[in-house]
Amino acid sequence: MLVDAILLVHYNAIIMQRKLIKVGTSAAVLIPKSLMDEQGMKIGDMIDIDVSKKGKATVKSVIDPKVTQWTDEFIEEYKPLLKKLAHS
């Protein structure tokens, strides 16, 4: 079974076909090292995979929870200023 993996690169998309392989009782999709390097992925990283009803898969790196927390704290601290900026 083949699956299309769409990996977002800035505003462009790289579309490739990758073969699902059997790993024990599960399956895996191999991601080329060059693409992992380009996307800043490493072994052990969490990734999101969205699969459509037609079998198309979108793969992307998960944002580091520390970055998400920092962003949330920044927005909360500067919310009034950000609102003014958005409406100016």
N, C-alpha and C. Protein backbone atom coordinates (compact mmCIF):
# COMPACT_ATOMS: atom_id res chain seq x y z
N MET A 1 0.85 -1.18 0.00
CA MET A 1 0.00 0.00 0.00
C MET A 1 0.89 1.24 0.00
N LEU A 2 0.63 2.19 -0.88
CA LEU A 2 1.39 3.42 -0.95
C LEU A 2 0.58 4.56 -0.37
N VAL A 3 1.26 5.51 0.23
CA VAL A 3 0.60 6.67 0.80
C VAL A 3 1.34 7.90 0.32
N ASP A 4 0.64 8.97 -0.03
CA ASP A 4 1.27 10.23 -0.40
C ASP A 4 1.58 10.98 0.87
N ALA A 5 2.82 11.37 1.07
CA ALA A 5 3.19 12.17 2.24
C ALA A 5 3.43 13.59 1.76
N ILE A 6 2.73 14.53 2.34
CA ILE A 6 2.90 15.94 1.98
C ILE A 6 3.58 16.61 3.16
N LEU A 7 4.79 17.09 2.95
CA LEU A 7 5.55 17.74 4.00
C LEU A 7 5.68 19.21 3.63
N LEU A 8 5.17 20.10 4.49
CA LEU A 8 5.18 21.52 4.20
C LEU A 8 6.57 22.10 4.38
N VAL A 9 7.01 22.87 3.41
CA VAL A 9 8.30 23.54 3.46
C VAL A 9 8.02 25.01 3.17
N HIS A 10 8.03 25.84 4.22
CA HIS A 10 7.70 27.25 4.11
C HIS A 10 6.35 27.39 3.38
N TYR A 11 6.32 28.08 2.23
CA TYR A 11 5.05 28.26 1.53
C TYR A 11 4.89 27.26 0.39
N ASN A 12 5.86 26.41 0.18
CA ASN A 12 5.79 25.40 -0.86
C ASN A 12 5.52 24.06 -0.22
N ALA A 13 5.12 23.10 -1.02
CA ALA A 13 4.89 21.75 -0.50
C ALA A 13 5.74 20.77 -1.29
N ILE A 14 6.28 19.81 -0.59
CA ILE A 14 7.00 18.72 -1.23
C ILE A 14 6.05 17.53 -1.19
N ILE A 15 5.75 16.98 -2.34
CA ILE A 15 4.83 15.84 -2.41
C ILE A 15 5.63 14.63 -2.85
N MET A 16 5.53 13.55 -2.09
CA MET A 16 6.27 12.34 -2.44
C MET A 16 5.44 11.12 -2.08
N GLN A 17 5.72 10.04 -2.75
CA GLN A 17 5.10 8.77 -2.40
C GLN A 17 6.09 7.98 -1.58
N ARG A 18 5.63 7.40 -0.50
CA ARG A 18 6.46 6.58 0.36
C ARG A 18 5.71 5.27 0.61
N LYS A 19 6.45 4.19 0.74
CA LYS A 19 5.86 2.89 0.96
C LYS A 19 5.72 2.63 2.46
N LEU A 20 4.56 2.12 2.86
CA LEU A 20 4.37 1.70 4.25
C LEU A 20 5.10 0.37 4.42
N ILE A 21 5.88 0.26 5.49
CA ILE A 21 6.58 -0.98 5.76
C ILE A 21 6.08 -1.58 7.07
N LYS A 22 6.20 -2.89 7.19
CA LYS A 22 5.76 -3.57 8.40
C LYS A 22 6.87 -3.51 9.44
N VAL A 23 6.49 -3.13 10.67
CA VAL A 23 7.41 -3.11 11.81
C VAL A 23 6.67 -3.82 12.95
N GLY A 24 6.99 -5.09 13.16
CA GLY A 24 6.25 -5.88 14.14
C GLY A 24 4.81 -6.02 13.68
N THR A 25 3.87 -5.63 14.54
CA THR A 25 2.46 -5.68 14.16
C THR A 25 1.94 -4.32 13.71
N SER A 26 2.86 -3.35 13.59
CA SER A 26 2.51 -1.99 13.17
C SER A 26 3.06 -1.71 11.78
N ALA A 27 2.90 -0.47 11.34
CA ALA A 27 3.43 -0.03 10.05
C ALA A 27 4.23 1.25 10.27
N ALA A 28 5.15 1.52 9.36
CA ALA A 28 5.97 2.73 9.44
C ALA A 28 6.12 3.33 8.06
N VAL A 29 6.34 4.64 8.02
CA VAL A 29 6.64 5.36 6.78
C VAL A 29 8.06 5.89 6.95
N LEU A 30 8.92 5.59 5.99
CA LEU A 30 10.30 6.07 6.07
C LEU A 30 10.38 7.49 5.51
N ILE A 31 11.04 8.37 6.26
CA ILE A 31 11.24 9.76 5.83
C ILE A 31 12.72 9.92 5.52
N PRO A 32 13.07 10.39 4.31
CA PRO A 32 14.47 10.54 3.95
C PRO A 32 15.23 11.44 4.93
N LYS A 33 16.48 11.08 5.23
CA LYS A 33 17.31 11.85 6.15
C LYS A 33 17.46 13.29 5.68
N SER A 34 17.64 13.50 4.39
CA SER A 34 17.81 14.87 3.88
C SER A 34 16.59 15.73 4.21
N LEU A 35 15.40 15.17 4.12
CA LEU A 35 14.18 15.91 4.44
C LEU A 35 14.07 16.14 5.95
N MET A 36 14.45 15.12 6.74
CA MET A 36 14.44 15.29 8.20
C MET A 36 15.38 16.42 8.60
N ASP A 37 16.57 16.44 8.00
CA ASP A 37 17.53 17.50 8.31
C ASP A 37 16.98 18.87 7.94
N GLU A 38 16.38 18.96 6.75
CA GLU A 38 15.83 20.23 6.26
C GLU A 38 14.72 20.74 7.17
N GLN A 39 13.92 19.82 7.71
CA GLN A 39 12.78 20.18 8.55
C GLN A 39 13.13 20.24 10.03
N GLY A 40 14.38 19.92 10.37
CA GLY A 40 14.79 19.96 11.77
C GLY A 40 14.23 18.81 12.58
N MET A 41 13.89 17.71 11.93
CA MET A 41 13.36 16.53 12.62
C MET A 41 14.51 15.63 13.04
N LYS A 42 14.31 14.91 14.16
CA LYS A 42 15.29 13.93 14.57
C LYS A 42 14.57 12.71 15.13
N ILE A 43 15.29 11.59 15.19
CA ILE A 43 14.70 10.35 15.70
C ILE A 43 14.16 10.62 17.11
N GLY A 44 12.94 10.19 17.36
CA GLY A 44 12.31 10.39 18.66
C GLY A 44 11.37 11.59 18.71
N ASP A 45 11.46 12.49 17.70
CA ASP A 45 10.55 13.64 17.65
C ASP A 45 9.12 13.16 17.42
N MET A 46 8.18 13.91 17.97
CA MET A 46 6.77 13.66 17.70
C MET A 46 6.42 14.40 16.40
N ILE A 47 5.60 13.77 15.56
CA ILE A 47 5.11 14.40 14.35
C ILE A 47 3.61 14.22 14.28
N ASP A 48 2.93 15.10 13.59
CA ASP A 48 1.49 14.99 13.35
C ASP A 48 1.30 14.39 11.97
N ILE A 49 0.38 13.43 11.87
CA ILE A 49 0.02 12.85 10.58
C ILE A 49 -1.49 12.94 10.45
N ASP A 50 -1.96 13.70 9.48
CA ASP A 50 -3.39 13.81 9.19
C ASP A 50 -3.68 12.99 7.95
N VAL A 51 -4.60 12.03 8.06
CA VAL A 51 -4.93 11.17 6.92
C VAL A 51 -6.36 11.45 6.49
N SER A 52 -6.53 11.77 5.19
CA SER A 52 -7.87 12.03 4.66
C SER A 52 -8.58 10.71 4.35
N LYS A 53 -9.86 10.80 4.06
CA LYS A 53 -10.63 9.61 3.72
C LYS A 53 -10.15 8.96 2.43
N LYS A 54 -9.45 9.73 1.59
CA LYS A 54 -8.93 9.20 0.33
C LYS A 54 -7.53 8.60 0.49
N GLY A 55 -7.02 8.55 1.73
CA GLY A 55 -5.72 7.94 1.97
C GLY A 55 -4.54 8.87 1.82
N LYS A 56 -4.79 10.17 1.67
CA LYS A 56 -3.71 11.14 1.58
C LYS A 56 -3.27 11.51 2.99
N ALA A 57 -1.97 11.57 3.23
CA ALA A 57 -1.45 11.88 4.56
C ALA A 57 -0.65 13.18 4.52
N THR A 58 -0.87 14.03 5.52
CA THR A 58 -0.08 15.24 5.70
C THR A 58 0.78 15.03 6.94
N VAL A 59 2.09 15.21 6.80
CA VAL A 59 3.03 14.98 7.89
C VAL A 59 3.69 16.29 8.25
N LYS A 60 3.75 16.62 9.54
CA LYS A 60 4.45 17.83 9.95
C LYS A 60 5.03 17.64 11.35
N SER A 61 6.08 18.39 11.63
CA SER A 61 6.70 18.35 12.95
C SER A 61 5.75 18.94 13.97
N VAL A 62 5.79 18.43 15.17
CA VAL A 62 5.01 18.99 16.27
C VAL A 62 5.84 20.10 16.89
N ILE A 63 5.20 21.21 17.21
CA ILE A 63 5.89 22.33 17.83
C ILE A 63 6.27 21.95 19.27
N ASP A 64 7.48 22.29 19.65
CA ASP A 64 7.97 22.03 21.00
C ASP A 64 7.01 22.65 22.01
N PRO A 65 6.55 21.89 23.01
CA PRO A 65 5.61 22.43 24.01
C PRO A 65 6.16 23.66 24.74
N LYS A 66 7.48 23.77 24.89
CA LYS A 66 8.06 24.94 25.55
C LYS A 66 7.81 26.20 24.72
N VAL A 67 7.88 26.06 23.40
CA VAL A 67 7.62 27.21 22.52
C VAL A 67 6.16 27.61 22.62
N THR A 68 5.27 26.64 22.64
CA THR A 68 3.84 26.93 22.78
C THR A 68 3.55 27.63 24.10
N GLN A 69 4.15 27.14 25.18
CA GLN A 69 3.94 27.76 26.50
C GLN A 69 4.46 29.19 26.51
N TRP A 70 5.67 29.40 25.99
CA TRP A 70 6.24 30.74 25.95
C TRP A 70 5.35 31.69 25.15
N THR A 71 4.86 31.21 24.00
CA THR A 71 4.00 32.03 23.15
C THR A 71 2.71 32.41 23.88
N ASP A 72 2.10 31.43 24.55
CA ASP A 72 0.87 31.70 25.31
C ASP A 72 1.12 32.74 26.41
N GLU A 73 2.24 32.61 27.13
CA GLU A 73 2.57 33.55 28.20
C GLU A 73 2.82 34.95 27.63
N PHE A 74 3.52 35.02 26.50
CA PHE A 74 3.80 36.30 25.85
C PHE A 74 2.50 36.99 25.45
N ILE A 75 1.61 36.23 24.83
CA ILE A 75 0.33 36.80 24.38
C ILE A 75 -0.47 37.29 25.57
N GLU A 76 -0.52 36.52 26.64
CA GLU A 76 -1.28 36.91 27.82
C GLU A 76 -0.71 38.19 28.44
N GLU A 77 0.61 38.26 28.56
CA GLU A 77 1.26 39.43 29.16
C GLU A 77 1.06 40.69 28.33
N TYR A 78 1.12 40.56 27.02
CA TYR A 78 1.06 41.73 26.14
C TYR A 78 -0.26 41.86 25.38
N LYS A 79 -1.30 41.18 25.84
CA LYS A 79 -2.59 41.17 25.14
C LYS A 79 -3.13 42.57 24.84
N PRO A 80 -3.17 43.48 25.83
CA PRO A 80 -3.71 44.83 25.52
C PRO A 80 -2.90 45.53 24.42
N LEU A 81 -1.59 45.44 24.49
CA LEU A 81 -0.74 46.07 23.49
C LEU A 81 -0.92 45.42 22.12
N LEU A 82 -1.03 44.11 22.09
CA LEU A 82 -1.24 43.40 20.83
C LEU A 82 -2.58 43.77 20.19
N LYS A 83 -3.63 43.93 21.03
CA LYS A 83 -4.93 44.34 20.52
C LYS A 83 -4.87 45.74 19.90
N LYS A 84 -4.16 46.67 20.59
CA LYS A 84 -4.01 48.02 20.04
C LYS A 84 -3.28 47.98 18.71
N LEU A 85 -2.23 47.20 18.67
CA LEU A 85 -1.44 47.06 17.45
C LEU A 85 -2.29 46.49 16.31
N ALA A 86 -3.12 45.51 16.61
CA ALA A 86 -3.96 44.88 15.59
C ALA A 86 -5.01 45.84 15.04
N HIS A 87 -5.46 46.79 15.84
CA HIS A 87 -6.51 47.72 15.42
C HIS A 87 -5.97 49.06 14.94
N SER A 88 -4.66 49.18 14.83
CA SER A 88 -4.11 50.48 14.39
C SER A 88 -3.90 50.50 12.89
